[in-house]
Amino acid sequence: MSNHPKEEKTLVLIKPDGIQRALLGEILHRFERKGLKIIGLKMLRLDDVLTKAHYGKYEDKPFFAGLKDFMQSSPIVAVVLCGVNAVKVTRLIVGQTKSYEAIPGTIRGDFAMSMQSNLVHASDPEENPAEEVKRFFEDDELFSYKKINFDLLHAPDELK
């Protein structure tokens, strides 16, 4: 069954600190509990090519070497979430990039204190979430299905 036309896709990377601190299940649970659908999921190690492709805009910044080392220090988990307003909803669940400013109830507000070690990357609407998804997933690695509670999550007029 295909996605609803108003659904959008977004990428989440659960960073090395999220893996090392055994927060994978907690993080995924928050997205599922909100009503987002997981349509892609895999564990991988970032190599230099993928790290540069994803974080290349920071390559000339003094913190890039540390960011690269951090992101390559452990496997990460890449997740594609799908849902109505998925990009915005995911960013709200994740919280502020500077974790020490993130409000309680968000992933970063509850579990992180750092700007770099902030547990997750979530696609920014201005940075082309569809491109980020394609960077980490082939089309045949994404699944299309109707979530059984979809009609309970949205009022019919919200889907027009």
Protein backbone atom coordinates (compact mmCIF):
# COMPACT_ATOMS: atom_id res chain seq x y z
CA MET A 1 0.00 0.00 0.00
CA SER A 2 1.40 3.41 -0.91
CA ASN A 3 1.99 6.46 1.22
CA HIS A 4 -0.64 9.18 1.53
CA PRO A 5 0.10 12.13 -0.82
CA LYS A 6 0.60 14.49 2.16
CA GLU A 7 3.25 12.28 3.75
CA GLU A 8 6.87 13.32 3.47
CA LYS A 9 10.16 11.55 4.17
CA THR A 10 12.96 12.68 6.43
CA LEU A 11 16.33 11.30 7.49
CA VAL A 12 17.48 10.70 11.03
CA LEU A 13 20.98 9.54 11.91
CA ILE A 14 21.44 8.11 15.37
CA LYS A 15 24.98 9.21 16.08
CA PRO A 16 27.78 7.27 17.80
CA ASP A 17 26.87 8.67 21.23
CA GLY A 18 23.28 7.45 20.82
CA ILE A 19 24.56 3.97 19.97
CA GLN A 20 27.23 3.89 22.69
CA ARG A 21 24.80 5.13 25.34
CA ALA A 22 22.25 2.42 24.40
CA LEU A 23 19.56 4.94 23.44
CA LEU A 24 18.66 3.46 20.04
CA GLY A 25 15.41 1.89 21.23
CA GLU A 26 14.37 4.97 23.20
CA ILE A 27 15.01 7.26 20.26
CA LEU A 28 13.14 5.09 17.74
CA HIS A 29 10.31 4.64 20.24
CA ARG A 30 9.71 8.40 20.45
CA PHE A 31 9.24 8.70 16.69
CA GLU A 32 6.96 5.68 16.53
CA ARG A 33 4.94 6.79 19.54
CA LYS A 34 4.31 10.16 17.88
CA GLY A 35 2.87 8.37 14.85
CA LEU A 36 5.73 8.55 12.36
CA LYS A 37 6.36 5.50 10.23
CA ILE A 38 9.80 3.90 9.87
CA ILE A 39 10.26 3.09 6.19
CA GLY A 40 14.04 2.55 6.18
CA LEU A 41 16.50 1.43 8.83
CA LYS A 42 20.13 0.31 8.74
CA MET A 43 23.33 0.33 10.75
CA LEU A 44 26.51 1.46 9.01
CA ARG A 45 29.91 3.02 9.47
CA LEU A 46 30.54 6.38 7.86
CA ASP A 47 33.55 6.34 5.55
CA ASP A 48 35.37 9.49 4.43
CA VAL A 49 33.31 9.81 1.24
CA LEU A 50 29.92 9.63 2.98
CA THR A 51 31.09 11.84 5.84
CA LYS A 52 32.24 14.51 3.38
CA ALA A 53 29.07 14.20 1.32
CA HIS A 54 26.91 14.70 4.39
CA TYR A 55 28.96 17.19 6.39
CA GLY A 56 31.01 18.77 3.58
CA LYS A 57 29.52 22.21 4.10
CA TYR A 58 31.51 22.31 7.36
CA GLU A 59 34.79 21.10 5.83
CA ASP A 60 36.48 24.52 6.14
CA LYS A 61 35.35 24.99 9.75
CA PRO A 62 37.78 24.35 12.60
CA PHE A 63 35.46 21.78 14.18
CA PHE A 64 35.18 19.57 11.07
CA ALA A 65 38.07 17.22 11.95
CA GLY A 66 36.57 16.56 15.37
CA LEU A 67 33.11 16.08 13.88
CA LYS A 68 34.48 13.62 11.33
CA ASP A 69 36.38 11.66 14.01
CA PHE A 70 33.28 11.58 16.21
CA MET A 71 30.93 10.43 13.43
CA GLN A 72 33.37 7.69 12.39
CA SER A 73 34.11 6.51 15.95
CA SER A 74 31.29 3.98 16.05
CA PRO A 75 28.52 2.67 13.82
CA ILE A 76 25.50 4.88 13.31
CA VAL A 77 21.92 3.97 12.55
CA ALA A 78 20.27 5.66 9.58
CA VAL A 79 16.49 5.90 9.67
CA VAL A 80 13.97 7.21 7.18
CA LEU A 81 10.75 8.39 8.78
CA CYS A 82 7.57 9.10 6.89
CA GLY A 83 4.43 10.94 7.87
CA VAL A 84 2.36 14.06 7.45
CA ASN A 85 4.69 16.99 8.27
CA ALA A 86 7.42 14.45 9.07
CA VAL A 87 10.32 16.90 8.68
CA LYS A 88 8.90 19.47 11.10
CA VAL A 89 7.57 16.88 13.56
CA THR A 90 10.91 15.07 13.64
CA ARG A 91 12.82 18.30 14.30
CA LEU A 92 10.46 19.10 17.18
CA ILE A 93 10.93 15.64 18.73
CA VAL A 94 14.72 15.92 18.38
CA GLY A 95 15.04 19.39 19.93
CA GLN A 96 17.57 22.20 19.55
CA THR A 97 20.99 21.43 18.02
CA LYS A 98 22.67 22.92 21.08
CA SER A 99 21.46 20.24 23.45
CA TYR A 100 22.02 22.39 26.52
CA GLU A 101 19.28 24.68 25.10
CA ALA A 102 16.87 21.87 24.15
CA ILE A 103 13.69 21.76 26.17
CA PRO A 104 12.83 18.77 28.36
CA GLY A 105 10.64 16.27 26.55
CA THR A 106 12.79 16.36 23.40
CA ILE A 107 15.42 13.71 22.71
CA ARG A 108 18.26 16.18 23.14
CA GLY A 109 16.57 17.95 26.05
CA ASP A 110 16.23 14.69 27.95
CA PHE A 111 19.48 12.93 27.07
CA ALA A 112 22.17 15.31 25.76
CA MET A 113 24.27 18.29 26.86
CA SER A 114 26.53 18.90 23.84
CA MET A 115 26.27 20.52 20.43
CA GLN A 116 28.31 17.81 18.68
CA SER A 117 27.40 14.84 20.87
CA ASN A 118 23.70 15.54 20.51
CA LEU A 119 22.60 11.96 19.75
CA VAL A 120 20.86 12.49 16.41
CA HIS A 121 20.95 14.28 13.10
CA ALA A 122 17.56 15.22 11.68
CA SER A 123 17.07 16.65 8.20
CA ASP A 124 16.61 20.39 8.12
CA PRO A 125 13.78 21.50 5.81
CA GLU A 126 16.12 24.02 4.12
CA GLU A 127 18.75 21.36 3.39
CA ASN A 128 16.66 19.11 1.13
CA PRO A 129 15.57 16.10 3.21
CA ALA A 130 14.90 14.08 0.04
CA GLU A 131 18.55 14.48 -1.00
CA GLU A 132 19.70 13.38 2.46
CA VAL A 133 17.50 10.27 2.26
CA LYS A 134 19.02 9.39 -1.14
CA ARG A 135 22.52 9.83 0.27
CA PHE A 136 21.96 6.97 2.72
CA PHE A 137 19.28 4.77 1.10
CA GLU A 138 18.64 3.24 -2.30
CA ASP A 139 15.00 3.21 -3.45
CA ASP A 140 14.73 -0.55 -2.89
CA GLU A 141 15.76 -0.08 0.77
CA LEU A 142 12.66 2.01 1.51
CA PHE A 143 9.29 0.44 2.20
CA SER A 144 5.86 1.79 1.39
CA TYR A 145 2.93 0.69 3.52
CA LYS A 146 -0.11 2.07 5.28
CA LYS A 147 0.22 2.18 9.03
CA ILE A 148 -2.88 0.66 10.61
CA ASN A 149 -3.39 3.65 12.93
CA PHE A 150 -2.92 6.31 10.19
CA ASP A 151 -6.62 7.22 10.13
CA LEU A 152 -6.62 7.66 13.90
CA LEU A 153 -3.67 10.07 13.84
CA HIS A 154 -5.20 12.69 11.53
CA ALA A 155 -8.57 14.33 11.12
CA PRO A 156 -9.87 13.87 7.55
CA ASP A 157 -9.73 17.61 6.81
CA GLU A 158 -6.01 17.66 7.70
CA LEU A 159 -5.32 15.26 4.84
CA LYS A 160 -6.98 17.27 2.05
